[in-house]
Amino acid sequence: MFSKFLNLEKEKQDRIINAAIKEFAQKGYDKASTNEIVKEAGISKGLLFHYFQNKKQLFLFLFDYCYNIVADEFYKKVDLTEVDFFNRIRQSVKIKMELLTKYPEIFKFIQEAYMEDSTEIKTELETKIAKLNEINAGKVYEGIDVTKFRDDMAIEKILKIITWTFEKMSDEELYKAKLSRSHEIDYPKVMMEAEDYFEILTKCFYK
């Protein structure tokens, strides 16, 4: 679908991508202007829509593009030979923080996408996000040492409780960011709070 764009020289691709990420991250989907994107990228509007059928297709392309960059680097860094569940989760949080420092604009765009309410793209985004969450949960849990968990509880239910805990925590942070003027998330603070939950959940569910 995006073969014409992907056949461009990388410098031109980067200019368009960076301009679009900046505009959508700062203004959200509905308020983002393709006029501003083409102005920043130094191309015509007709050319932008030659590469992307419309604003919606551009946004969804960017979501996949940004997510894939982060996911590819994450899975190169994460040590899946670490079998202790909570150590693996701690490691995942640390890597995410490193990537946040390396790709602040990309994370800002992804964060805004997760908070997006536009009826034009909300359904497709939610479908994408739900599918990605399911895939990533499977990878993160793969090969963990389940013998460390209590024998008097079903491991499937334990993992669900832990997953729901951090999903709810994430939802709350996104909601607070959405209500704030800056839309910023205090990630170091989130990490500290997550560590509190790690300690509680370890005491609850490990032998």
Protein backbone atom coordinates (compact mmCIF):
# COMPACT_ATOMS: atom_id res chain seq x y z
CA MET A 1 0.00 0.00 0.00
CA PHE A 2 2.86 2.38 0.79
CA SER A 3 5.34 1.10 -1.80
CA LYS A 4 5.69 4.49 -3.52
CA PHE A 5 6.69 6.12 -0.25
CA LEU A 6 9.02 3.30 0.76
CA ASN A 7 10.83 3.57 -2.60
CA LEU A 8 11.84 7.17 -1.86
CA GLU A 9 15.37 7.99 -0.78
CA LYS A 10 15.73 7.71 2.99
CA GLU A 11 16.40 11.43 3.52
CA LYS A 12 13.05 12.35 1.98
CA GLN A 13 11.24 9.60 3.87
CA ASP A 14 12.72 10.86 7.13
CA ARG A 15 11.67 14.46 6.44
CA ILE A 16 8.06 13.43 5.84
CA ILE A 17 7.96 11.00 8.76
CA ASN A 18 9.54 13.44 11.22
CA ALA A 19 7.23 16.27 10.15
CA ALA A 20 4.14 14.07 10.51
CA ILE A 21 5.20 12.63 13.88
CA LYS A 22 5.78 16.12 15.22
CA GLU A 23 2.41 17.44 14.02
CA PHE A 24 0.32 14.49 15.23
CA ALA A 25 2.18 14.25 18.57
CA GLN A 26 1.67 17.95 19.31
CA LYS A 27 -1.94 18.33 18.15
CA GLY A 28 -3.60 14.92 18.05
CA TYR A 29 -5.27 13.43 15.00
CA ASP A 30 -8.22 15.77 14.46
CA LYS A 31 -6.31 19.02 14.95
CA ALA A 32 -3.18 17.96 13.05
CA SER A 33 -2.83 19.76 9.73
CA THR A 34 -1.49 18.12 6.59
CA ASN A 35 -0.70 21.66 5.39
CA GLU A 36 1.73 22.01 8.29
CA ILE A 37 3.18 18.57 7.63
CA VAL A 38 3.98 19.29 3.96
CA LYS A 39 5.33 22.73 4.87
CA GLU A 40 7.69 21.22 7.46
CA ALA A 41 8.67 18.38 5.11
CA GLY A 42 9.23 20.65 2.12
CA ILE A 43 6.90 18.82 -0.25
CA SER A 44 3.56 19.52 -1.93
CA LYS A 45 0.26 18.36 -0.48
CA GLY A 46 -0.48 16.51 -3.70
CA LEU A 47 2.73 14.57 -3.31
CA LEU A 48 1.90 13.64 0.29
CA PHE A 49 -1.41 12.17 -0.84
CA HIS A 50 0.35 10.47 -3.72
CA TYR A 51 2.28 8.48 -1.12
CA PHE A 52 -0.56 8.19 1.40
CA GLN A 53 -4.17 8.06 0.28
CA ASN A 54 -5.36 10.35 3.05
CA LYS A 55 -4.60 11.68 6.53
CA LYS A 56 -5.95 8.52 8.16
CA GLN A 57 -3.65 6.23 6.18
CA LEU A 58 -0.69 8.48 7.01
CA PHE A 59 -1.46 8.28 10.74
CA LEU A 60 -1.92 4.51 10.74
CA PHE A 61 1.29 4.07 8.75
CA LEU A 62 3.13 6.22 11.31
CA PHE A 63 1.71 4.21 14.21
CA ASP A 64 3.02 0.96 12.72
CA TYR A 65 6.33 2.60 11.79
CA CYS A 66 6.94 4.05 15.26
CA TYR A 67 5.81 0.94 17.09
CA ASN A 68 8.04 -1.30 14.97
CA ILE A 69 11.11 0.85 15.65
CA VAL A 70 10.58 0.61 19.41
CA ALA A 71 9.60 -3.08 19.36
CA ASP A 72 12.58 -4.11 17.21
CA GLU A 73 15.06 -2.37 19.52
CA PHE A 74 13.30 -3.63 22.63
CA TYR A 75 13.51 -7.28 21.60
CA LYS A 76 17.16 -6.87 20.62
CA LYS A 77 17.94 -5.63 24.13
CA VAL A 78 15.67 -7.75 26.33
CA ASP A 79 17.20 -10.91 27.78
CA LEU A 80 14.57 -13.61 27.36
CA THR A 81 16.90 -16.11 29.05
CA GLU A 82 16.02 -14.36 32.32
CA VAL A 83 13.41 -16.78 33.66
CA ASP A 84 12.42 -14.92 36.82
CA PHE A 85 9.15 -13.23 35.88
CA PHE A 86 9.54 -10.07 37.93
CA ASN A 87 13.19 -9.62 36.95
CA ARG A 88 12.14 -9.85 33.32
CA ILE A 89 9.44 -7.23 33.84
CA ARG A 90 11.90 -4.94 35.66
CA GLN A 91 14.31 -5.37 32.77
CA SER A 92 11.52 -4.50 30.31
CA VAL A 93 10.71 -1.29 32.17
CA LYS A 94 14.39 -0.27 32.23
CA ILE A 95 14.77 -0.85 28.48
CA LYS A 96 11.63 1.15 27.80
CA MET A 97 13.09 4.06 29.75
CA GLU A 98 16.31 3.85 27.70
CA LEU A 99 14.32 3.87 24.47
CA LEU A 100 12.22 6.76 25.72
CA THR A 101 15.41 8.79 26.14
CA LYS A 102 16.62 7.77 22.68
CA TYR A 103 13.31 8.31 20.84
CA PRO A 104 11.34 10.98 22.73
CA GLU A 105 9.32 12.13 19.71
CA ILE A 106 8.39 8.60 18.73
CA PHE A 107 7.25 7.78 22.27
CA LYS A 108 5.29 11.02 22.40
CA PHE A 109 3.50 10.06 19.18
CA ILE A 110 2.75 6.52 20.42
CA GLN A 111 1.52 7.91 23.74
CA GLU A 112 -0.82 10.31 21.95
CA ALA A 113 -2.04 7.48 19.72
CA TYR A 114 -2.96 5.44 22.80
CA MET A 115 -5.00 8.42 24.07
CA GLU A 116 -6.56 9.21 20.71
CA ASP A 117 -10.35 9.71 20.74
CA SER A 118 -10.96 10.64 17.09
CA THR A 119 -13.91 8.63 15.77
CA GLU A 120 -12.20 8.48 12.38
CA ILE A 121 -9.40 6.22 13.60
CA LYS A 122 -10.36 5.08 17.13
CA THR A 123 -11.75 1.66 16.15
CA GLU A 124 -8.80 0.70 13.95
CA LEU A 125 -6.30 1.93 16.52
CA GLU A 126 -7.95 0.00 19.34
CA THR A 127 -7.86 -3.17 17.21
CA LYS A 128 -4.17 -2.67 16.45
CA ILE A 129 -3.30 -1.94 20.08
CA ALA A 130 -5.25 -4.95 21.42
CA LYS A 131 -3.50 -7.26 18.95
CA LEU A 132 -0.06 -5.86 19.80
CA ASN A 133 -0.71 -6.17 23.55
CA GLU A 134 -1.66 -9.82 23.11
CA ILE A 135 1.47 -10.56 21.04
CA ASN A 136 3.79 -8.80 23.46
CA ALA A 137 2.27 -10.41 26.54
CA GLY A 138 2.92 -13.81 24.96
CA LYS A 139 6.57 -12.94 24.31
CA VAL A 140 7.18 -11.42 27.73
CA TYR A 141 5.74 -14.47 29.50
CA GLU A 142 7.46 -17.02 27.27
CA GLY A 143 9.87 -19.32 29.11
CA ILE A 144 9.36 -17.88 32.60
CA ASP A 145 10.03 -20.12 35.60
CA VAL A 146 6.53 -20.91 36.81
CA THR A 147 7.88 -23.10 39.63
CA LYS A 148 8.57 -19.91 41.62
CA PHE A 149 4.86 -19.19 41.86
CA ARG A 150 2.65 -20.54 44.61
CA ASP A 151 1.27 -24.04 44.07
CA ASP A 152 -2.14 -23.31 45.61
CA MET A 153 -3.14 -20.88 42.83
CA ALA A 154 -3.64 -21.37 39.10
CA ILE A 155 -0.69 -19.83 37.24
CA GLU A 156 -3.01 -18.53 34.48
CA LYS A 157 -5.01 -16.54 37.04
CA ILE A 158 -1.85 -15.21 38.71
CA LEU A 159 -0.52 -13.91 35.40
CA LYS A 160 -3.88 -12.37 34.58
CA ILE A 161 -3.97 -10.53 37.91
CA ILE A 162 -0.43 -9.21 37.37
CA THR A 163 -1.22 -8.21 33.79
CA TRP A 164 -4.43 -6.45 34.80
CA THR A 165 -2.58 -4.61 37.59
CA PHE A 166 -0.08 -3.06 35.22
CA GLU A 167 -2.65 -2.49 32.48
CA LYS A 168 -4.78 -0.55 34.97
CA MET A 169 -1.73 1.37 36.15
CA SER A 170 -0.91 2.25 32.54
CA ASP A 171 -4.51 3.30 31.86
CA GLU A 172 -4.49 5.58 34.90
CA GLU A 173 -1.23 7.25 33.86
CA LEU A 174 -2.54 7.80 30.32
CA TYR A 175 -5.78 9.23 31.71
CA LYS A 176 -3.89 11.65 33.98
CA ALA A 177 -1.67 12.68 31.08
CA LYS A 178 -4.70 13.23 28.89
CA LEU A 179 -6.22 15.58 31.47
CA SER A 180 -3.00 17.53 31.92
CA ARG A 181 -2.12 20.50 29.74
CA SER A 182 1.25 19.07 28.71
CA HIS A 183 0.09 15.46 28.16
CA GLU A 184 3.36 14.42 29.80
CA ILE A 185 3.91 11.20 31.76
CA ASP A 186 6.43 11.24 34.60
CA TYR A 187 8.13 7.96 33.70
CA PRO A 188 10.68 7.90 36.57
CA LYS A 189 7.78 8.29 39.01
CA VAL A 190 5.90 5.51 37.23
CA MET A 191 8.94 3.25 37.56
CA MET A 192 9.09 3.87 41.30
CA GLU A 193 5.40 3.07 41.66
CA ALA A 194 5.81 -0.05 39.53
CA GLU A 195 8.58 -1.23 41.85
CA ASP A 196 6.18 -0.97 44.80
CA TYR A 197 3.76 -3.22 42.94
CA PHE A 198 6.55 -5.66 42.05
CA GLU A 199 7.36 -6.08 45.75
CA ILE A 200 3.72 -6.57 46.74
CA LEU A 201 2.96 -8.99 43.92
CA THR A 202 6.15 -10.97 44.57
CA LYS A 203 5.16 -11.44 48.21
CA CYS A 204 1.62 -12.41 47.18
CA PHE A 205 2.38 -14.89 44.42
CA TYR A 206 5.91 -16.29 44.92
CA LYS A 207 6.57 -19.16 47.28
